[in-house]
Amino acid sequence: MFGRRPRIRRAMRNTVAWMGLLLMIASFAWMQWISKPEPATSTQRSARHEPFAVVVLDPGHGGQDSGAMCGGMLEKDLTLDVAQRVDRLLQAEGLATVMTRVGDGYVSLAERAALTNRVPQCVLVSIHFNEDNKPVSSGIETYYAEHQIPPGMPIISWLPFLQRTAAQAPDP
């Protein structure tokens, strides 16, 4: 009886981690698609520039900040697992990556932002698994900046550029 419970948790954890990984890849592919440049002519092909040079992966929470907890699983463990999987996939495709944390240490939001701001021409992917008992709060949230935000611009000025998409369960 006691031997089955860890297997169920492990299977549940793997399922959630793979779902998160697939969502992250879909979000990344979507971001590539929306930032795709005009088709280049043969003379322009050699001068083609990618929309970003580095992908900064930010597995949410860590250390004493466990994040959400569901079925004995901690958000901090799931986000790190998904970030490591995405990191390997992106590197296999030849993309440069930076992780804001590689273990179970606590990294403050200020430290995460400072690290990201030190990486030129990057895109930030912050990974979280939000959990709420309210059906209205379920689904996927994706936030992105539609336009390039100049360095040093106050965070309040980002709001007009910030877009939100939400895939929610249908209303009953």
C-alpha atoms as a PDB file:
ATOM      1  CA  MET A   1       0.000   0.000   0.000  1.00  0.00           C
ATOM      2  CA  PHE A   2       2.741   2.456   0.928  1.00  0.00           C
ATOM      3  CA  GLY A   3       4.846   1.538  -2.129  1.00  0.00           C
ATOM      4  CA  ARG A   4       2.250   2.724  -4.645  1.00  0.00           C
ATOM      5  CA  ARG A   5       1.973   6.302  -3.441  1.00  0.00           C
ATOM      6  CA  PRO A   6       5.480   7.441  -4.506  1.00  0.00           C
ATOM      7  CA  ARG A   7       4.957   5.907  -7.964  1.00  0.00           C
ATOM      8  CA  ILE A   8       1.697   7.795  -8.370  1.00  0.00           C
ATOM      9  CA  ARG A   9       3.330  11.064  -7.262  1.00  0.00           C
ATOM     10  CA  ARG A  10       6.276  10.468  -9.608  1.00  0.00           C
ATOM     11  CA  ALA A  11       3.932   9.722 -12.526  1.00  0.00           C
ATOM     12  CA  MET A  12       1.836  12.803 -11.714  1.00  0.00           C
ATOM     13  CA  ARG A  13       4.959  14.940 -11.415  1.00  0.00           C
ATOM     14  CA  ASN A  14       6.299  13.684 -14.758  1.00  0.00           C
ATOM     15  CA  THR A  15       2.944  14.318 -16.436  1.00  0.00           C
ATOM     16  CA  VAL A  16       2.769  17.880 -15.100  1.00  0.00           C
ATOM     17  CA  ALA A  17       6.410  18.504 -16.034  1.00  0.00           C
ATOM     18  CA  TRP A  18       5.891  17.272 -19.604  1.00  0.00           C
ATOM     19  CA  MET A  19       2.729  19.355 -19.954  1.00  0.00           C
ATOM     20  CA  GLY A  20       4.652  22.398 -18.772  1.00  0.00           C
ATOM     21  CA  LEU A  21       7.488  21.623 -21.168  1.00  0.00           C
ATOM     22  CA  LEU A  22       5.093  21.364 -24.093  1.00  0.00           C
ATOM     23  CA  LEU A  23       3.444  24.653 -23.124  1.00  0.00           C
ATOM     24  CA  MET A  24       6.823  26.370 -22.877  1.00  0.00           C
ATOM     25  CA  ILE A  25       7.894  25.070 -26.301  1.00  0.00           C
ATOM     26  CA  ALA A  26       4.570  26.162 -27.804  1.00  0.00           C
ATOM     27  CA  SER A  27       4.977  29.635 -26.260  1.00  0.00           C
ATOM     28  CA  PHE A  28       8.556  29.856 -27.520  1.00  0.00           C
ATOM     29  CA  ALA A  29       7.509  28.797 -31.042  1.00  0.00           C
ATOM     30  CA  TRP A  30       4.669  31.326 -30.970  1.00  0.00           C
ATOM     31  CA  MET A  31       7.081  34.097 -29.949  1.00  0.00           C
ATOM     32  CA  GLN A  32       9.377  33.115 -32.828  1.00  0.00           C
ATOM     33  CA  TRP A  33       6.431  33.215 -35.209  1.00  0.00           C
ATOM     34  CA  ILE A  34       5.194  36.679 -34.155  1.00  0.00           C
ATOM     35  CA  SER A  35       8.701  38.143 -34.401  1.00  0.00           C
ATOM     36  CA  LYS A  36       9.502  36.532 -37.769  1.00  0.00           C
ATOM     37  CA  PRO A  37      11.134  39.082 -40.115  1.00  0.00           C
ATOM     38  CA  GLU A  38      10.048  39.677 -43.695  1.00  0.00           C
ATOM     39  CA  PRO A  39      11.368  37.034 -46.108  1.00  0.00           C
ATOM     40  CA  ALA A  40      14.908  37.939 -47.102  1.00  0.00           C
ATOM     41  CA  THR A  41      16.083  38.260 -50.680  1.00  0.00           C
ATOM     42  CA  SER A  42      19.163  36.315 -51.745  1.00  0.00           C
ATOM     43  CA  THR A  43      21.428  39.323 -51.075  1.00  0.00           C
ATOM     44  CA  GLN A  44      19.905  39.861 -47.638  1.00  0.00           C
ATOM     45  CA  ARG A  45      20.172  36.238 -46.451  1.00  0.00           C
ATOM     46  CA  SER A  46      23.764  36.565 -45.291  1.00  0.00           C
ATOM     47  CA  ALA A  47      22.880  39.648 -43.213  1.00  0.00           C
ATOM     48  CA  ARG A  48      19.870  38.048 -41.478  1.00  0.00           C
ATOM     49  CA  HIS A  49      19.586  38.800 -37.758  1.00  0.00           C
ATOM     50  CA  GLU A  50      17.720  36.731 -35.188  1.00  0.00           C
ATOM     51  CA  PRO A  51      15.203  38.616 -33.015  1.00  0.00           C
ATOM     52  CA  PHE A  52      17.285  37.696 -29.934  1.00  0.00           C
ATOM     53  CA  ALA A  53      20.676  36.149 -29.213  1.00  0.00           C
ATOM     54  CA  VAL A  54      20.058  34.440 -25.859  1.00  0.00           C
ATOM     55  CA  VAL A  55      17.112  32.770 -24.113  1.00  0.00           C
ATOM     56  CA  VAL A  56      17.104  33.456 -20.359  1.00  0.00           C
ATOM     57  CA  LEU A  57      15.191  30.686 -18.576  1.00  0.00           C
ATOM     58  CA  ASP A  58      13.808  31.623 -15.174  1.00  0.00           C
ATOM     59  CA  PRO A  59      12.482  28.646 -13.197  1.00  0.00           C
ATOM     60  CA  GLY A  60      10.141  30.277 -10.690  1.00  0.00           C
ATOM     61  CA  HIS A  61      10.615  30.118  -6.926  1.00  0.00           C
ATOM     62  CA  GLY A  62      13.400  28.063  -5.281  1.00  0.00           C
ATOM     63  CA  GLY A  63      14.988  27.583  -1.869  1.00  0.00           C
ATOM     64  CA  GLN A  64      12.632  28.512   0.951  1.00  0.00           C
ATOM     65  CA  ASP A  65      10.113  29.855  -1.613  1.00  0.00           C
ATOM     66  CA  SER A  66       8.345  26.654  -2.688  1.00  0.00           C
ATOM     67  CA  GLY A  67       5.576  28.322  -4.705  1.00  0.00           C
ATOM     68  CA  ALA A  68       2.299  26.464  -5.179  1.00  0.00           C
ATOM     69  CA  MET A  69       1.835  22.960  -3.816  1.00  0.00           C
ATOM     70  CA  CYS A  70      -0.486  20.378  -5.336  1.00  0.00           C
ATOM     71  CA  GLY A  71      -0.633  16.671  -4.583  1.00  0.00           C
ATOM     72  CA  GLY A  72       2.634  16.781  -2.672  1.00  0.00           C
ATOM     73  CA  MET A  73       4.465  18.406  -5.602  1.00  0.00           C
ATOM     74  CA  LEU A  74       6.188  21.748  -5.195  1.00  0.00           C
ATOM     75  CA  GLU A  75       6.108  24.375  -7.916  1.00  0.00           C
ATOM     76  CA  LYS A  76       9.813  25.149  -7.404  1.00  0.00           C
ATOM     77  CA  ASP A  77      10.733  21.535  -8.310  1.00  0.00           C
ATOM     78  CA  LEU A  78       8.494  21.432 -11.382  1.00  0.00           C
ATOM     79  CA  THR A  79       9.694  24.781 -12.729  1.00  0.00           C
ATOM     80  CA  LEU A  80      13.345  23.759 -12.358  1.00  0.00           C
ATOM     81  CA  ASP A  81      12.698  20.410 -14.064  1.00  0.00           C
ATOM     82  CA  VAL A  82      10.898  22.044 -17.009  1.00  0.00           C
ATOM     83  CA  ALA A  83      13.553  24.783 -17.329  1.00  0.00           C
ATOM     84  CA  GLN A  84      16.343  22.179 -17.451  1.00  0.00           C
ATOM     85  CA  ARG A  85      14.486  20.210 -20.146  1.00  0.00           C
ATOM     86  CA  VAL A  86      13.828  23.349 -22.212  1.00  0.00           C
ATOM     87  CA  ASP A  87      17.484  24.371 -21.720  1.00  0.00           C
ATOM     88  CA  ARG A  88      18.691  21.060 -23.191  1.00  0.00           C
ATOM     89  CA  LEU A  89      16.249  21.301 -26.122  1.00  0.00           C
ATOM     90  CA  LEU A  90      17.224  24.884 -26.968  1.00  0.00           C
ATOM     91  CA  GLN A  91      20.946  24.145 -26.730  1.00  0.00           C
ATOM     92  CA  ALA A  92      20.460  21.117 -29.007  1.00  0.00           C
ATOM     93  CA  GLU A  93      18.974  23.552 -31.553  1.00  0.00           C
ATOM     94  CA  GLY A  94      22.045  25.784 -31.263  1.00  0.00           C
ATOM     95  CA  LEU A  95      20.488  28.549 -29.161  1.00  0.00           C
ATOM     96  CA  ALA A  96      22.435  30.175 -26.332  1.00  0.00           C
ATOM     97  CA  THR A  97      20.743  29.952 -22.939  1.00  0.00           C
ATOM     98  CA  VAL A  98      21.202  31.335 -19.435  1.00  0.00           C
ATOM     99  CA  MET A  99      19.429  29.969 -16.339  1.00  0.00           C
ATOM    100  CA  THR A 100      18.566  32.268 -13.425  1.00  0.00           C
ATOM    101  CA  ARG A 101      18.970  29.294 -11.069  1.00  0.00           C
ATOM    102  CA  VAL A 102      20.376  25.793 -11.605  1.00  0.00           C
ATOM    103  CA  GLY A 103      19.644  24.261  -8.197  1.00  0.00           C
ATOM    104  CA  ASP A 104      17.222  24.648  -5.330  1.00  0.00           C
ATOM    105  CA  GLY A 105      18.657  27.971  -4.156  1.00  0.00           C
ATOM    106  CA  TYR A 106      16.612  31.097  -3.576  1.00  0.00           C
ATOM    107  CA  VAL A 107      17.114  33.888  -6.125  1.00  0.00           C
ATOM    108  CA  SER A 108      15.278  37.155  -5.436  1.00  0.00           C
ATOM    109  CA  LEU A 109      13.215  38.881  -8.108  1.00  0.00           C
ATOM    110  CA  ALA A 110      15.731  41.749  -8.091  1.00  0.00           C
ATOM    111  CA  GLU A 111      18.592  39.308  -8.739  1.00  0.00           C
ATOM    112  CA  ARG A 112      16.646  37.625 -11.546  1.00  0.00           C
ATOM    113  CA  ALA A 113      15.911  40.998 -13.160  1.00  0.00           C
ATOM    114  CA  ALA A 114      19.520  42.168 -12.763  1.00  0.00           C
ATOM    115  CA  LEU A 115      20.844  38.983 -14.377  1.00  0.00           C
ATOM    116  CA  THR A 116      18.421  39.299 -17.281  1.00  0.00           C
ATOM    117  CA  ASN A 117      19.273  42.983 -17.761  1.00  0.00           C
ATOM    118  CA  ARG A 118      22.986  42.094 -18.021  1.00  0.00           C
ATOM    119  CA  VAL A 119      22.329  39.755 -20.971  1.00  0.00           C
ATOM    120  CA  PRO A 120      22.137  41.777 -24.200  1.00  0.00           C
ATOM    121  CA  GLN A 121      19.594  40.882 -26.888  1.00  0.00           C
ATOM    122  CA  CYS A 122      17.783  38.276 -24.812  1.00  0.00           C
ATOM    123  CA  VAL A 123      14.271  36.991 -24.397  1.00  0.00           C
ATOM    124  CA  LEU A 124      13.148  36.041 -20.882  1.00  0.00           C
ATOM    125  CA  VAL A 125      10.998  32.964 -20.288  1.00  0.00           C
ATOM    126  CA  SER A 126       9.821  32.834 -16.666  1.00  0.00           C
ATOM    127  CA  ILE A 127       8.308  29.463 -15.800  1.00  0.00           C
ATOM    128  CA  HIS A 128       5.519  29.104 -13.225  1.00  0.00           C
ATOM    129  CA  PHE A 129       2.738  26.626 -12.468  1.00  0.00           C
ATOM    130  CA  ASN A 130      -0.013  28.636 -10.836  1.00  0.00           C
ATOM    131  CA  GLU A 131      -2.560  26.713  -8.778  1.00  0.00           C
ATOM    132  CA  ASP A 132      -5.888  27.913  -7.488  1.00  0.00           C
ATOM    133  CA  ASN A 133      -9.053  26.192  -6.334  1.00  0.00           C
ATOM    134  CA  LYS A 134     -11.182  28.623  -8.346  1.00  0.00           C
ATOM    135  CA  PRO A 135     -12.087  27.296 -11.840  1.00  0.00           C
ATOM    136  CA  VAL A 136     -11.981  30.874 -13.139  1.00  0.00           C
ATOM    137  CA  SER A 137      -8.249  30.980 -12.371  1.00  0.00           C
ATOM    138  CA  SER A 138      -7.331  27.875 -14.336  1.00  0.00           C
ATOM    139  CA  GLY A 139      -5.594  27.864 -17.687  1.00  0.00           C
ATOM    140  CA  ILE A 140      -2.455  29.229 -19.260  1.00  0.00           C
ATOM    141  CA  GLU A 141      -1.253  32.813 -19.040  1.00  0.00           C
ATOM    142  CA  THR A 142       1.325  34.252 -21.394  1.00  0.00           C
ATOM    143  CA  TYR A 143       2.669  37.772 -21.031  1.00  0.00           C
ATOM    144  CA  TYR A 144       4.939  39.331 -23.614  1.00  0.00           C
ATOM    145  CA  ALA A 145       6.175  42.736 -24.706  1.00  0.00           C
ATOM    146  CA  GLU A 146       4.987  43.411 -28.233  1.00  0.00           C
ATOM    147  CA  HIS A 147       7.590  46.130 -28.811  1.00  0.00           C
ATOM    148  CA  GLN A 148      11.226  46.482 -27.840  1.00  0.00           C
ATOM    149  CA  ILE A 149      11.450  48.213 -24.478  1.00  0.00           C
ATOM    150  CA  PRO A 150      14.489  50.512 -24.285  1.00  0.00           C
ATOM    151  CA  PRO A 151      16.923  49.947 -21.387  1.00  0.00           C
ATOM    152  CA  GLY A 152      16.362  52.261 -18.437  1.00  0.00           C
ATOM    153  CA  MET A 153      12.698  52.781 -19.238  1.00  0.00           C
ATOM    154  CA  PRO A 154      10.675  52.834 -15.975  1.00  0.00           C
ATOM    155  CA  ILE A 155       8.629  49.666 -15.463  1.00  0.00           C
ATOM    156  CA  ILE A 156       5.350  51.608 -15.319  1.00  0.00           C
ATOM    157  CA  SER A 157       5.907  52.710 -18.926  1.00  0.00           C
ATOM    158  CA  TRP A 158       5.917  49.044 -20.041  1.00  0.00           C
ATOM    159  CA  LEU A 159       2.197  48.678 -19.368  1.00  0.00           C
ATOM    160  CA  PRO A 160       0.943  49.980 -22.740  1.00  0.00           C
ATOM    161  CA  PHE A 161       3.188  47.453 -24.516  1.00  0.00           C
ATOM    162  CA  LEU A 162       2.407  44.446 -22.339  1.00  0.00           C
ATOM    163  CA  GLN A 163      -0.012  41.991 -23.883  1.00  0.00           C
ATOM    164  CA  ARG A 164      -1.821  39.197 -22.057  1.00  0.00           C
ATOM    165  CA  THR A 165      -3.228  36.059 -23.528  1.00  0.00           C
ATOM    166  CA  ALA A 166      -5.143  33.538 -21.474  1.00  0.00           C
ATOM    167  CA  ALA A 167      -6.330  30.095 -22.460  1.00  0.00           C
ATOM    168  CA  GLN A 168      -9.019  29.311 -19.936  1.00  0.00           C
ATOM    169  CA  ALA A 169     -11.453  26.491 -19.491  1.00  0.00           C
ATOM    170  CA  PRO A 170     -14.817  27.190 -21.138  1.00  0.00           C
ATOM    171  CA  ASP A 171     -17.420  28.863 -18.964  1.00  0.00           C
ATOM    172  CA  PRO A 172     -19.961  26.385 -17.518  1.00  0.00           C
END
